[in-house]
Amino acid sequence: MSQPPHDEPPSPDGDVPHAAARAALDWLITAGADEAILDTPVDRYAAAREAKAARAAARQQQAATGTSSTPSPSTAPPSQQPSATSKPATEPRQPAGQPAAAPAQQPGTAGRKRGEMPPVWRPKGGELKTAEQTLATARDLAAQATTLEALRDALAEYDGCALKQTATNLVFADGNPEARVMIVGEAPGADEDRQGKPFVGVSGQLLDRMLSWIGFSRADNVYISNVLFWRPPGNRTPTPAEVAACLPFVERHIALKQPDYLILSGGSSAKTLLSKTEGVLKLRGRWFSYQNPEMGTPVPALVTLHPAYLLRQPAAKRQAWRDLLSFKTAFDAGTDPTV
């Protein structure tokens, strides 16, 4: 039976093409896999239980029969019984004054008794904290930062968000720190995780084009960040605990930046910063007053659709264009649409 055609020849050691193997690897990385271990999982707990049960059964059998597990010469297999012509095995003599050499030891068996299973590896963990303690730590670290650089350093030391354990890089911000406009997105994706910058993938390219249509760019007059600083594995929806663990740093980020206008891109950023429960389709195109306890006056914030949503729903670009025009009108006039 002929095999289906491939774009490229099979690999030398199998019938899987290189392209298919690369695609499978890309899928695993996108799903959040970050380590190569074994082809199949090994249950060390089950192996330990089986070994313990086998030893217990052997002891019970010995107790019932009164025999030893070491075979005697008469019961040993023929190949192991001494013959009349065979010479007894003798140990090589050690030179006088030198200690006998220790028996060879298998790698990784130091400090273990015979028959004892190897220890099960467990990841090292820090001190366990409650959600309230984690939030208090985040607030303290964020409050101590007096510059954007210091806030980034504080995030690099912060271990209160579980997403940090699976992410490759901290995704802090990009753009002009002196810009009057700050865009806050949702969460980093795979491209952002690799580069350590927000909105650098396909969604970021669309955002750059959208901004250029109204005369804005991250290099000149836009500053960009997210409500999460680490990528959720497989781009899954972040949990409320993960969002809460980052929120003190997001609020401090906005307070240090002091923008004149906020653009909240996506439902997660809008609901997190505005404390809203409606979906993004009901919030988009509307202006809100963003209240920050560290800022003297509220900041006008416009909710719009995330570029990733526009890639999935191209028809929604018309709504996003209306949002951008609303923002440009307010920015050019220097007015607060919420007043």
C-alpha atoms as a PDB file:
ATOM      1  CA  MET A   1       0.000   0.000   0.000  1.00  0.00           C
ATOM      2  CA  SER A   2       1.448   3.335  -0.974  1.00  0.00           C
ATOM      3  CA  GLN A   3       1.898   5.971   1.678  1.00  0.00           C
ATOM      4  CA  PRO A   4       0.267   9.381   1.324  1.00  0.00           C
ATOM      5  CA  PRO A   5       2.507  12.005  -0.237  1.00  0.00           C
ATOM      6  CA  HIS A   6       4.402  14.388   2.014  1.00  0.00           C
ATOM      7  CA  ASP A   7       5.755  17.825   1.395  1.00  0.00           C
ATOM      8  CA  GLU A   8       9.221  16.533   2.179  1.00  0.00           C
ATOM      9  CA  PRO A   9      10.824  13.062   2.467  1.00  0.00           C
ATOM     10  CA  PRO A  10      10.549  10.973   5.621  1.00  0.00           C
ATOM     11  CA  SER A  11      13.203  11.190   8.258  1.00  0.00           C
ATOM     12  CA  PRO A  12      16.063   8.663   7.982  1.00  0.00           C
ATOM     13  CA  ASP A  13      14.965   6.650  11.026  1.00  0.00           C
ATOM     14  CA  GLY A  14      11.227   6.501  10.461  1.00  0.00           C
ATOM     15  CA  ASP A  15       8.298   7.341   8.279  1.00  0.00           C
ATOM     16  CA  VAL A  16       7.402  10.668   9.932  1.00  0.00           C
ATOM     17  CA  PRO A  17       8.392  13.667   7.787  1.00  0.00           C
ATOM     18  CA  HIS A  18      10.486  16.398   9.349  1.00  0.00           C
ATOM     19  CA  ALA A  19       7.705  18.926   8.762  1.00  0.00           C
ATOM     20  CA  ALA A  20       5.212  16.791  10.674  1.00  0.00           C
ATOM     21  CA  ALA A  21       7.662  16.330  13.532  1.00  0.00           C
ATOM     22  CA  ARG A  22       8.304  20.063  13.707  1.00  0.00           C
ATOM     23  CA  ALA A  23       4.567  20.771  13.645  1.00  0.00           C
ATOM     24  CA  ALA A  24       4.011  18.333  16.510  1.00  0.00           C
ATOM     25  CA  LEU A  25       6.822  19.950  18.497  1.00  0.00           C
ATOM     26  CA  ASP A  26       5.401  23.427  17.865  1.00  0.00           C
ATOM     27  CA  TRP A  27       2.015  22.209  19.068  1.00  0.00           C
ATOM     28  CA  LEU A  28       3.503  20.855  22.291  1.00  0.00           C
ATOM     29  CA  ILE A  29       5.385  24.093  22.957  1.00  0.00           C
ATOM     30  CA  THR A  30       2.250  26.139  22.310  1.00  0.00           C
ATOM     31  CA  ALA A  31       0.327  23.876  24.685  1.00  0.00           C
ATOM     32  CA  GLY A  32       2.801  24.750  27.426  1.00  0.00           C
ATOM     33  CA  ALA A  33       5.225  21.801  27.408  1.00  0.00           C
ATOM     34  CA  ASP A  34       8.687  22.976  28.412  1.00  0.00           C
ATOM     35  CA  GLU A  35      10.608  19.777  29.260  1.00  0.00           C
ATOM     36  CA  ALA A  36      11.430  16.525  27.479  1.00  0.00           C
ATOM     37  CA  ILE A  37      11.373  13.644  29.960  1.00  0.00           C
ATOM     38  CA  LEU A  38      10.388  10.118  28.850  1.00  0.00           C
ATOM     39  CA  ASP A  39       8.205   8.554  26.167  1.00  0.00           C
ATOM     40  CA  THR A  40       5.828   7.203  28.828  1.00  0.00           C
ATOM     41  CA  PRO A  41       5.155   8.349  32.405  1.00  0.00           C
ATOM     42  CA  VAL A  42       6.730   6.462  35.310  1.00  0.00           C
ATOM     43  CA  ASP A  43       4.658   6.069  38.465  1.00  0.00           C
ATOM     44  CA  ARG A  44       7.311   5.823  41.171  1.00  0.00           C
ATOM     45  CA  TYR A  45       4.668   5.507  43.871  1.00  0.00           C
ATOM     46  CA  ALA A  46       3.141   2.438  42.206  1.00  0.00           C
ATOM     47  CA  ALA A  47       6.591   0.912  41.654  1.00  0.00           C
ATOM     48  CA  ALA A  48       7.455   1.397  45.323  1.00  0.00           C
ATOM     49  CA  ARG A  49       4.190  -0.210  46.413  1.00  0.00           C
ATOM     50  CA  GLU A  50       4.733  -3.201  44.113  1.00  0.00           C
ATOM     51  CA  ALA A  51       8.293  -3.711  45.354  1.00  0.00           C
ATOM     52  CA  LYS A  52       7.155  -3.513  48.977  1.00  0.00           C
ATOM     53  CA  ALA A  53       4.351  -6.013  48.339  1.00  0.00           C
ATOM     54  CA  ALA A  54       6.769  -8.401  46.604  1.00  0.00           C
ATOM     55  CA  ARG A  55       9.180  -8.296  49.553  1.00  0.00           C
ATOM     56  CA  ALA A  56       6.351  -8.899  52.010  1.00  0.00           C
ATOM     57  CA  ALA A  57       5.090 -11.868  49.981  1.00  0.00           C
ATOM     58  CA  ALA A  58       8.599 -13.340  49.862  1.00  0.00           C
ATOM     59  CA  ARG A  59       8.965 -13.043  53.637  1.00  0.00           C
ATOM     60  CA  GLN A  60       5.597 -14.722  54.198  1.00  0.00           C
ATOM     61  CA  GLN A  61       6.554 -17.588  51.905  1.00  0.00           C
ATOM     62  CA  GLN A  62       9.867 -18.049  53.698  1.00  0.00           C
ATOM     63  CA  ALA A  63       8.128 -18.053  57.066  1.00  0.00           C
ATOM     64  CA  ALA A  64       5.602 -20.644  55.878  1.00  0.00           C
ATOM     65  CA  THR A  65       8.141 -23.033  54.340  1.00  0.00           C
ATOM     66  CA  GLY A  66      11.039 -22.338  56.664  1.00  0.00           C
ATOM     67  CA  THR A  67      13.404 -21.961  53.732  1.00  0.00           C
ATOM     68  CA  SER A  68      15.834 -19.237  52.819  1.00  0.00           C
ATOM     69  CA  SER A  69      15.733 -17.230  49.640  1.00  0.00           C
ATOM     70  CA  THR A  70      19.369 -18.185  49.006  1.00  0.00           C
ATOM     71  CA  PRO A  71      19.475 -21.504  47.121  1.00  0.00           C
ATOM     72  CA  SER A  72      21.641 -24.274  48.587  1.00  0.00           C
ATOM     73  CA  PRO A  73      24.201 -26.090  46.450  1.00  0.00           C
ATOM     74  CA  SER A  74      21.895 -29.097  46.149  1.00  0.00           C
ATOM     75  CA  THR A  75      18.945 -27.037  44.920  1.00  0.00           C
ATOM     76  CA  ALA A  76      20.865 -24.645  42.733  1.00  0.00           C
ATOM     77  CA  PRO A  77      20.425 -24.913  38.965  1.00  0.00           C
ATOM     78  CA  PRO A  78      22.776 -27.380  37.251  1.00  0.00           C
ATOM     79  CA  SER A  79      24.715 -24.546  35.706  1.00  0.00           C
ATOM     80  CA  GLN A  80      25.434 -23.156  39.201  1.00  0.00           C
ATOM     81  CA  GLN A  81      26.309 -26.472  40.970  1.00  0.00           C
ATOM     82  CA  PRO A  82      30.030 -27.170  41.434  1.00  0.00           C
ATOM     83  CA  SER A  83      31.429 -30.009  39.362  1.00  0.00           C
ATOM     84  CA  ALA A  84      34.221 -32.384  40.150  1.00  0.00           C
ATOM     85  CA  THR A  85      36.480 -30.813  37.584  1.00  0.00           C
ATOM     86  CA  SER A  86      35.726 -27.189  38.283  1.00  0.00           C
ATOM     87  CA  LYS A  87      38.032 -25.153  40.442  1.00  0.00           C
ATOM     88  CA  PRO A  88      36.612 -23.145  43.327  1.00  0.00           C
ATOM     89  CA  ALA A  89      36.429 -19.465  42.618  1.00  0.00           C
ATOM     90  CA  THR A  90      38.863 -17.492  44.673  1.00  0.00           C
ATOM     91  CA  GLU A  91      39.144 -13.771  45.259  1.00  0.00           C
ATOM     92  CA  PRO A  92      42.348 -12.116  44.000  1.00  0.00           C
ATOM     93  CA  ARG A  93      44.780 -11.532  46.815  1.00  0.00           C
ATOM     94  CA  GLN A  94      45.321  -7.957  47.929  1.00  0.00           C
ATOM     95  CA  PRO A  95      48.864  -6.733  48.430  1.00  0.00           C
ATOM     96  CA  ALA A  96      49.896  -6.552  52.040  1.00  0.00           C
ATOM     97  CA  GLY A  97      49.117  -3.241  53.705  1.00  0.00           C
ATOM     98  CA  GLN A  98      46.392  -2.219  51.241  1.00  0.00           C
ATOM     99  CA  PRO A  99      42.673  -2.320  52.137  1.00  0.00           C
ATOM    100  CA  ALA A 100      40.344  -4.455  50.087  1.00  0.00           C
ATOM    101  CA  ALA A 101      38.580  -2.644  47.282  1.00  0.00           C
ATOM    102  CA  ALA A 102      34.937  -1.797  47.904  1.00  0.00           C
ATOM    103  CA  PRO A 103      32.402  -3.586  45.695  1.00  0.00           C
ATOM    104  CA  ALA A 104      31.260  -1.703  42.624  1.00  0.00           C
ATOM    105  CA  GLN A 105      28.203   0.463  43.250  1.00  0.00           C
ATOM    106  CA  GLN A 106      25.551   1.331  40.749  1.00  0.00           C
ATOM    107  CA  PRO A 107      25.206   5.027  39.944  1.00  0.00           C
ATOM    108  CA  GLY A 108      22.623   6.834  42.046  1.00  0.00           C
ATOM    109  CA  THR A 109      22.456   4.127  44.775  1.00  0.00           C
ATOM    110  CA  ALA A 110      24.636   5.831  47.366  1.00  0.00           C
ATOM    111  CA  GLY A 111      23.015   5.894  50.806  1.00  0.00           C
ATOM    112  CA  ARG A 112      20.241   3.429  49.870  1.00  0.00           C
ATOM    113  CA  LYS A 113      19.661  -0.041  51.238  1.00  0.00           C
ATOM    114  CA  ARG A 114      19.491  -3.052  48.975  1.00  0.00           C
ATOM    115  CA  GLY A 115      16.104  -3.294  47.292  1.00  0.00           C
ATOM    116  CA  GLU A 116      15.091   0.227  48.289  1.00  0.00           C
ATOM    117  CA  MET A 117      13.396   2.223  45.537  1.00  0.00           C
ATOM    118  CA  PRO A 118      15.002   5.511  44.430  1.00  0.00           C
ATOM    119  CA  PRO A 119      13.429   8.649  45.873  1.00  0.00           C
ATOM    120  CA  VAL A 120      10.685  10.395  43.934  1.00  0.00           C
ATOM    121  CA  TRP A 121      11.757  13.776  42.560  1.00  0.00           C
ATOM    122  CA  ARG A 122       9.698  16.703  43.757  1.00  0.00           C
ATOM    123  CA  PRO A 123      10.135  20.318  42.629  1.00  0.00           C
ATOM    124  CA  LYS A 124      11.519  22.726  45.137  1.00  0.00           C
ATOM    125  CA  GLY A 125       8.908  25.100  46.497  1.00  0.00           C
ATOM    126  CA  GLY A 126       9.066  28.249  48.504  1.00  0.00           C
ATOM    127  CA  GLU A 127       7.117  29.181  51.558  1.00  0.00           C
ATOM    128  CA  LEU A 128       3.406  28.528  51.233  1.00  0.00           C
ATOM    129  CA  LYS A 129       1.327  31.686  51.546  1.00  0.00           C
ATOM    130  CA  THR A 130      -2.355  32.419  51.656  1.00  0.00           C
ATOM    131  CA  ALA A 131      -3.979  34.551  48.972  1.00  0.00           C
ATOM    132  CA  GLU A 132      -4.112  37.452  51.411  1.00  0.00           C
ATOM    133  CA  GLN A 133      -0.402  37.150  52.195  1.00  0.00           C
ATOM    134  CA  THR A 134       0.475  36.981  48.504  1.00  0.00           C
ATOM    135  CA  LEU A 135      -1.604  40.067  47.779  1.00  0.00           C
ATOM    136  CA  ALA A 136      -0.001  41.931  50.686  1.00  0.00           C
ATOM    137  CA  THR A 137       3.467  41.053  49.381  1.00  0.00           C
ATOM    138  CA  ALA A 138       2.528  42.289  45.914  1.00  0.00           C
ATOM    139  CA  ARG A 139       1.246  45.572  47.309  1.00  0.00           C
ATOM    140  CA  ASP A 140       4.385  46.119  49.366  1.00  0.00           C
ATOM    141  CA  LEU A 141       6.736  45.417  46.457  1.00  0.00           C
ATOM    142  CA  ALA A 142       4.718  47.583  44.084  1.00  0.00           C
ATOM    143  CA  ALA A 143       4.516  50.484  46.533  1.00  0.00           C
ATOM    144  CA  GLN A 144       8.287  50.486  47.031  1.00  0.00           C
ATOM    145  CA  ALA A 145       8.903  51.032  43.309  1.00  0.00           C
ATOM    146  CA  THR A 146       9.288  54.716  42.478  1.00  0.00           C
ATOM    147  CA  THR A 147      10.218  54.337  38.796  1.00  0.00           C
ATOM    148  CA  LEU A 148       9.166  52.102  35.932  1.00  0.00           C
ATOM    149  CA  GLU A 149      12.572  50.413  36.008  1.00  0.00           C
ATOM    150  CA  ALA A 150      12.241  49.723  39.725  1.00  0.00           C
ATOM    151  CA  LEU A 151       8.770  48.286  39.185  1.00  0.00           C
ATOM    152  CA  ARG A 152      10.108  45.937  36.532  1.00  0.00           C
ATOM    153  CA  ASP A 153      12.867  44.805  38.886  1.00  0.00           C
ATOM    154  CA  ALA A 154      10.291  44.207  41.622  1.00  0.00           C
ATOM    155  CA  LEU A 155       8.256  42.032  39.270  1.00  0.00           C
ATOM    156  CA  ALA A 156      11.358  40.047  38.360  1.00  0.00           C
ATOM    157  CA  GLU A 157      11.801  39.173  42.058  1.00  0.00           C
ATOM    158  CA  TYR A 158       8.112  38.551  42.713  1.00  0.00           C
ATOM    159  CA  ASP A 159       7.068  34.891  42.995  1.00  0.00           C
ATOM    160  CA  GLY A 160       3.444  35.343  43.991  1.00  0.00           C
ATOM    161  CA  CYS A 161       1.991  34.577  40.549  1.00  0.00           C
ATOM    162  CA  ALA A 162       2.084  30.916  39.530  1.00  0.00           C
ATOM    163  CA  LEU A 163       2.331  31.861  35.853  1.00  0.00           C
ATOM    164  CA  LYS A 164       5.937  32.875  36.404  1.00  0.00           C
ATOM    165  CA  GLN A 165       6.907  29.228  36.939  1.00  0.00           C
ATOM    166  CA  THR A 166       5.859  28.207  33.417  1.00  0.00           C
ATOM    167  CA  ALA A 167       6.661  31.371  31.462  1.00  0.00           C
ATOM    168  CA  THR A 168       9.906  31.979  29.606  1.00  0.00           C
ATOM    169  CA  ASN A 169      10.171  35.728  30.090  1.00  0.00           C
ATOM    170  CA  LEU A 170       8.646  38.561  32.045  1.00  0.00           C
ATOM    171  CA  VAL A 171       6.545  40.708  29.687  1.00  0.00           C
ATOM    172  CA  PHE A 172       6.555  44.190  31.203  1.00  0.00           C
ATOM    173  CA  ALA A 173       5.978  46.963  28.648  1.00  0.00           C
ATOM    174  CA  ASP A 174       6.939  48.431  25.297  1.00  0.00           C
ATOM    175  CA  GLY A 175       6.694  51.795  23.613  1.00  0.00           C
ATOM    176  CA  ASN A 176       7.498  55.349  24.658  1.00  0.00           C
ATOM    177  CA  PRO A 177       7.449  55.818  28.463  1.00  0.00           C
ATOM    178  CA  GLU A 178       6.799  59.548  27.921  1.00  0.00           C
ATOM    179  CA  ALA A 179       3.689  58.972  25.795  1.00  0.00           C
ATOM    180  CA  ARG A 180       0.375  60.432  26.893  1.00  0.00           C
ATOM    181  CA  VAL A 181      -1.508  57.297  25.834  1.00  0.00           C
ATOM    182  CA  MET A 182      -1.255  53.927  27.570  1.00  0.00           C
ATOM    183  CA  ILE A 183      -2.749  50.744  26.126  1.00  0.00           C
ATOM    184  CA  VAL A 184      -3.405  47.888  28.547  1.00  0.00           C
ATOM    185  CA  GLY A 185      -4.005  44.494  26.962  1.00  0.00           C
ATOM    186  CA  GLU A 186      -4.903  41.109  28.387  1.00  0.00           C
ATOM    187  CA  ALA A 187      -2.117  38.504  28.616  1.00  0.00           C
ATOM    188  CA  PRO A 188       1.093  37.688  26.719  1.00  0.00           C
ATOM    189  CA  GLY A 189       1.019  35.039  24.004  1.00  0.00           C
ATOM    190  CA  ALA A 190       3.715  32.706  22.716  1.00  0.00           C
ATOM    191  CA  ASP A 191       5.553  35.385  20.719  1.00  0.00           C
ATOM    192  CA  GLU A 192       5.417  37.843  23.599  1.00  0.00           C
ATOM    193  CA  ASP A 193       6.693  35.180  25.980  1.00  0.00           C
ATOM    194  CA  ARG A 194       9.691  34.489  23.746  1.00  0.00           C
ATOM    195  CA  GLN A 195      10.615  38.148  23.194  1.00  0.00           C
ATOM    196  CA  GLY A 196       9.602  39.598  26.558  1.00  0.00           C
ATOM    197  CA  LYS A 197       7.536  42.402  24.970  1.00  0.00           C
ATOM    198  CA  PRO A 198       3.757  42.884  24.694  1.00  0.00           C
ATOM    199  CA  PHE A 199       1.905  42.790  21.380  1.00  0.00           C
ATOM    200  CA  VAL A 200       4.708  41.507  19.134  1.00  0.00           C
ATOM    201  CA  GLY A 201       2.917  38.594  17.469  1.00  0.00           C
ATOM    202  CA  VAL A 202       0.267  38.654  14.776  1.00  0.00           C
ATOM    203  CA  SER A 203      -2.088  40.529  17.099  1.00  0.00           C
ATOM    204  CA  GLY A 204       0.603  43.095  17.789  1.00  0.00           C
ATOM    205  CA  GLN A 205       1.217  43.627  14.091  1.00  0.00           C
ATOM    206  CA  LEU A 206      -2.483  44.307  13.599  1.00  0.00           C
ATOM    207  CA  LEU A 207      -2.451  46.727  16.540  1.00  0.00           C
ATOM    208  CA  ASP A 208       0.482  48.617  15.032  1.00  0.00           C
ATOM    209  CA  ARG A 209      -1.368  48.977  11.731  1.00  0.00           C
ATOM    210  CA  MET A 210      -4.523  50.143  13.482  1.00  0.00           C
ATOM    211  CA  LEU A 211      -2.602  52.777  15.439  1.00  0.00           C
ATOM    212  CA  SER A 212      -0.805  53.972  12.321  1.00  0.00           C
ATOM    213  CA  TRP A 213      -4.153  54.680  10.658  1.00  0.00           C
ATOM    214  CA  ILE A 214      -4.836  57.397  13.239  1.00  0.00           C
ATOM    215  CA  GLY A 215      -1.267  58.694  13.422  1.00  0.00           C
ATOM    216  CA  PHE A 216       0.017  56.791  16.469  1.00  0.00           C
ATOM    217  CA  SER A 217       2.864  54.328  17.033  1.00  0.00           C
ATOM    218  CA  ARG A 218       4.511  52.675  19.991  1.00  0.00           C
ATOM    219  CA  ALA A 219       7.828  54.245  19.022  1.00  0.00           C
ATOM    220  CA  ASP A 220       6.485  57.800  19.305  1.00  0.00           C
ATOM    221  CA  ASN A 221       3.324  58.373  21.292  1.00  0.00           C
ATOM    222  CA  VAL A 222       1.976  55.088  22.726  1.00  0.00           C
ATOM    223  CA  TYR A 223       3.003  53.019  25.748  1.00  0.00           C
ATOM    224  CA  ILE A 224       1.796  49.388  25.933  1.00  0.00           C
ATOM    225  CA  SER A 225       1.437  46.829  28.720  1.00  0.00           C
ATOM    226  CA  ASN A 226      -0.909  44.048  29.939  1.00  0.00           C
ATOM    227  CA  VAL A 227      -2.887  43.100  33.037  1.00  0.00           C
ATOM    228  CA  LEU A 228      -0.755  39.934  33.218  1.00  0.00           C
ATOM    229  CA  PHE A 229       3.022  39.941  33.048  1.00  0.00           C
ATOM    230  CA  TRP A 230       3.498  36.238  32.273  1.00  0.00           C
ATOM    231  CA  ARG A 231       1.963  33.995  29.647  1.00  0.00           C
ATOM    232  CA  PRO A 232      -0.646  31.455  30.792  1.00  0.00           C
ATOM    233  CA  PRO A 233       0.309  27.948  29.563  1.00  0.00           C
ATOM    234  CA  GLY A 234      -1.295  27.193  26.227  1.00  0.00           C
ATOM    235  CA  ASN A 235      -2.801  30.696  26.146  1.00  0.00           C
ATOM    236  CA  ARG A 236      -5.543  29.528  28.482  1.00  0.00           C
ATOM    237  CA  THR A 237      -7.814  31.972  30.298  1.00  0.00           C
ATOM    238  CA  PRO A 238      -6.074  33.200  33.468  1.00  0.00           C
ATOM    239  CA  THR A 239      -7.644  32.398  36.802  1.00  0.00           C
ATOM    240  CA  PRO A 240      -8.975  35.142  39.104  1.00  0.00           C
ATOM    241  CA  ALA A 241      -6.137  34.375  41.534  1.00  0.00           C
ATOM    242  CA  GLU A 242      -3.522  34.939  38.817  1.00  0.00           C
ATOM    243  CA  VAL A 243      -5.101  38.244  37.816  1.00  0.00           C
ATOM    244  CA  ALA A 244      -5.342  39.358  41.447  1.00  0.00           C
ATOM    245  CA  ALA A 245      -1.676  38.500  42.029  1.00  0.00           C
ATOM    246  CA  CYS A 246      -0.658  40.925  39.259  1.00  0.00           C
ATOM    247  CA  LEU A 247      -3.194  43.694  39.884  1.00  0.00           C
ATOM    248  CA  PRO A 248      -1.163  45.707  42.454  1.00  0.00           C
ATOM    249  CA  PHE A 249       1.686  45.951  39.945  1.00  0.00           C
ATOM    250  CA  VAL A 250      -0.700  46.961  37.141  1.00  0.00           C
ATOM    251  CA  GLU A 251      -2.194  49.731  39.266  1.00  0.00           C
ATOM    252  CA  ARG A 252       1.253  50.926  40.300  1.00  0.00           C
ATOM    253  CA  HIS A 253       2.351  50.750  36.663  1.00  0.00           C
ATOM    254  CA  ILE A 254      -0.436  53.115  35.616  1.00  0.00           C
ATOM    255  CA  ALA A 255       0.218  55.417  38.568  1.00  0.00           C
ATOM    256  CA  LEU A 256       3.906  55.726  37.701  1.00  0.00           C
ATOM    257  CA  LYS A 257       3.141  56.210  34.019  1.00  0.00           C
ATOM    258  CA  GLN A 258       0.492  58.916  34.651  1.00  0.00           C
ATOM    259  CA  PRO A 259      -1.183  58.660  31.217  1.00  0.00           C
ATOM    260  CA  ASP A 260      -3.680  61.216  29.974  1.00  0.00           C
ATOM    261  CA  TYR A 261      -5.712  58.518  28.220  1.00  0.00           C
ATOM    262  CA  LEU A 262      -6.147  54.780  28.704  1.00  0.00           C
ATOM    263  CA  ILE A 263      -7.160  52.296  26.021  1.00  0.00           C
ATOM    264  CA  LEU A 264      -8.269  48.982  27.520  1.00  0.00           C
ATOM    265  CA  SER A 265      -7.865  46.326  24.840  1.00  0.00           C
ATOM    266  CA  GLY A 266      -9.953  43.251  25.535  1.00  0.00           C
ATOM    267  CA  GLY A 267     -12.459  42.082  28.102  1.00  0.00           C
ATOM    268  CA  SER A 268      -9.944  40.964  30.737  1.00  0.00           C
ATOM    269  CA  SER A 269      -8.254  44.337  31.018  1.00  0.00           C
ATOM    270  CA  ALA A 270     -11.559  46.229  30.994  1.00  0.00           C
ATOM    271  CA  LYS A 271     -13.226  44.088  33.651  1.00  0.00           C
ATOM    272  CA  THR A 272     -10.103  43.991  35.817  1.00  0.00           C
ATOM    273  CA  LEU A 273      -9.346  47.713  35.860  1.00  0.00           C
ATOM    274  CA  LEU A 274     -12.926  48.994  35.770  1.00  0.00           C
ATOM    275  CA  SER A 275     -14.456  46.343  38.070  1.00  0.00           C
ATOM    276  CA  LYS A 276     -17.094  45.510  35.474  1.00  0.00           C
ATOM    277  CA  THR A 277     -18.907  42.244  34.901  1.00  0.00           C
ATOM    278  CA  GLU A 278     -20.313  42.856  31.417  1.00  0.00           C
ATOM    279  CA  GLY A 279     -18.724  41.289  28.378  1.00  0.00           C
ATOM    280  CA  VAL A 280     -16.401  43.240  26.127  1.00  0.00           C
ATOM    281  CA  LEU A 281     -19.019  43.521  23.386  1.00  0.00           C
ATOM    282  CA  LYS A 282     -21.188  45.539  25.762  1.00  0.00           C
ATOM    283  CA  LEU A 283     -18.283  47.596  27.095  1.00  0.00           C
ATOM    284  CA  ARG A 284     -16.492  48.413  23.833  1.00  0.00           C
ATOM    285  CA  GLY A 285     -16.824  51.897  22.423  1.00  0.00           C
ATOM    286  CA  ARG A 286     -17.694  53.346  25.830  1.00  0.00           C
ATOM    287  CA  TRP A 287     -15.646  55.751  27.916  1.00  0.00           C
ATOM    288  CA  PHE A 288     -15.162  55.218  31.645  1.00  0.00           C
ATOM    289  CA  SER A 289     -13.362  57.056  34.441  1.00  0.00           C
ATOM    290  CA  TYR A 290     -10.502  54.905  35.677  1.00  0.00           C
ATOM    291  CA  GLN A 291     -10.023  55.473  39.409  1.00  0.00           C
ATOM    292  CA  ASN A 292      -6.596  54.781  40.899  1.00  0.00           C
ATOM    293  CA  PRO A 293      -6.013  55.415  44.619  1.00  0.00           C
ATOM    294  CA  GLU A 294      -2.468  56.571  43.853  1.00  0.00           C
ATOM    295  CA  MET A 295      -3.587  59.149  41.294  1.00  0.00           C
ATOM    296  CA  GLY A 296      -5.209  62.444  42.162  1.00  0.00           C
ATOM    297  CA  THR A 297      -7.619  62.587  39.236  1.00  0.00           C
ATOM    298  CA  PRO A 298      -9.387  59.864  37.256  1.00  0.00           C
ATOM    299  CA  VAL A 299      -8.170  58.942  33.787  1.00  0.00           C
ATOM    300  CA  PRO A 300     -10.570  58.648  30.820  1.00  0.00           C
ATOM    301  CA  ALA A 301     -10.462  55.040  29.621  1.00  0.00           C
ATOM    302  CA  LEU A 302     -11.857  53.707  26.349  1.00  0.00           C
ATOM    303  CA  VAL A 303     -12.711  50.019  26.023  1.00  0.00           C
ATOM    304  CA  THR A 304     -12.090  48.407  22.649  1.00  0.00           C
ATOM    305  CA  LEU A 305     -11.764  44.943  21.138  1.00  0.00           C
ATOM    306  CA  HIS A 306      -8.527  43.015  21.377  1.00  0.00           C
ATOM    307  CA  PRO A 307      -6.684  42.507  18.056  1.00  0.00           C
ATOM    308  CA  ALA A 308      -6.772  38.732  18.593  1.00  0.00           C
ATOM    309  CA  TYR A 309     -10.567  38.906  18.570  1.00  0.00           C
ATOM    310  CA  LEU A 310     -10.474  40.915  15.357  1.00  0.00           C
ATOM    311  CA  LEU A 311      -8.354  38.209  13.732  1.00  0.00           C
ATOM    312  CA  ARG A 312     -10.997  35.645  14.636  1.00  0.00           C
ATOM    313  CA  GLN A 313     -13.912  37.935  13.763  1.00  0.00           C
ATOM    314  CA  PRO A 314     -12.827  40.200  10.874  1.00  0.00           C
ATOM    315  CA  ALA A 315     -16.300  41.747  10.665  1.00  0.00           C
ATOM    316  CA  ALA A 316     -15.707  43.334  14.087  1.00  0.00           C
ATOM    317  CA  LYS A 317     -12.944  45.540  12.651  1.00  0.00           C
ATOM    318  CA  ARG A 318     -15.624  48.081  11.771  1.00  0.00           C
ATOM    319  CA  GLN A 319     -16.473  48.430  15.469  1.00  0.00           C
ATOM    320  CA  ALA A 320     -12.795  48.721  16.394  1.00  0.00           C
ATOM    321  CA  TRP A 321     -12.359  51.452  13.778  1.00  0.00           C
ATOM    322  CA  ARG A 322     -15.198  53.423  15.355  1.00  0.00           C
ATOM    323  CA  ASP A 323     -13.486  53.079  18.732  1.00  0.00           C
ATOM    324  CA  LEU A 324     -10.232  54.426  17.324  1.00  0.00           C
ATOM    325  CA  LEU A 325     -11.987  57.394  15.752  1.00  0.00           C
ATOM    326  CA  SER A 326     -13.663  58.142  19.081  1.00  0.00           C
ATOM    327  CA  PHE A 327     -10.293  58.081  20.791  1.00  0.00           C
ATOM    328  CA  LYS A 328      -8.604  60.265  18.171  1.00  0.00           C
ATOM    329  CA  THR A 329     -11.376  62.858  18.405  1.00  0.00           C
ATOM    330  CA  ALA A 330     -11.013  63.107  22.183  1.00  0.00           C
ATOM    331  CA  PHE A 331      -7.216  63.144  22.050  1.00  0.00           C
ATOM    332  CA  ASP A 332      -7.007  65.840  19.384  1.00  0.00           C
ATOM    333  CA  ALA A 333      -9.488  68.025  21.276  1.00  0.00           C
ATOM    334  CA  GLY A 334      -7.815  67.353  24.616  1.00  0.00           C
ATOM    335  CA  THR A 335     -11.172  66.649  26.220  1.00  0.00           C
ATOM    336  CA  ASP A 336     -12.441  64.086  28.690  1.00  0.00           C
ATOM    337  CA  PRO A 337     -15.400  62.262  27.115  1.00  0.00           C
ATOM    338  CA  THR A 338     -16.520  61.024  30.536  1.00  0.00           C
ATOM    339  CA  VAL A 339     -17.293  64.540  31.801  1.00  0.00           C
END
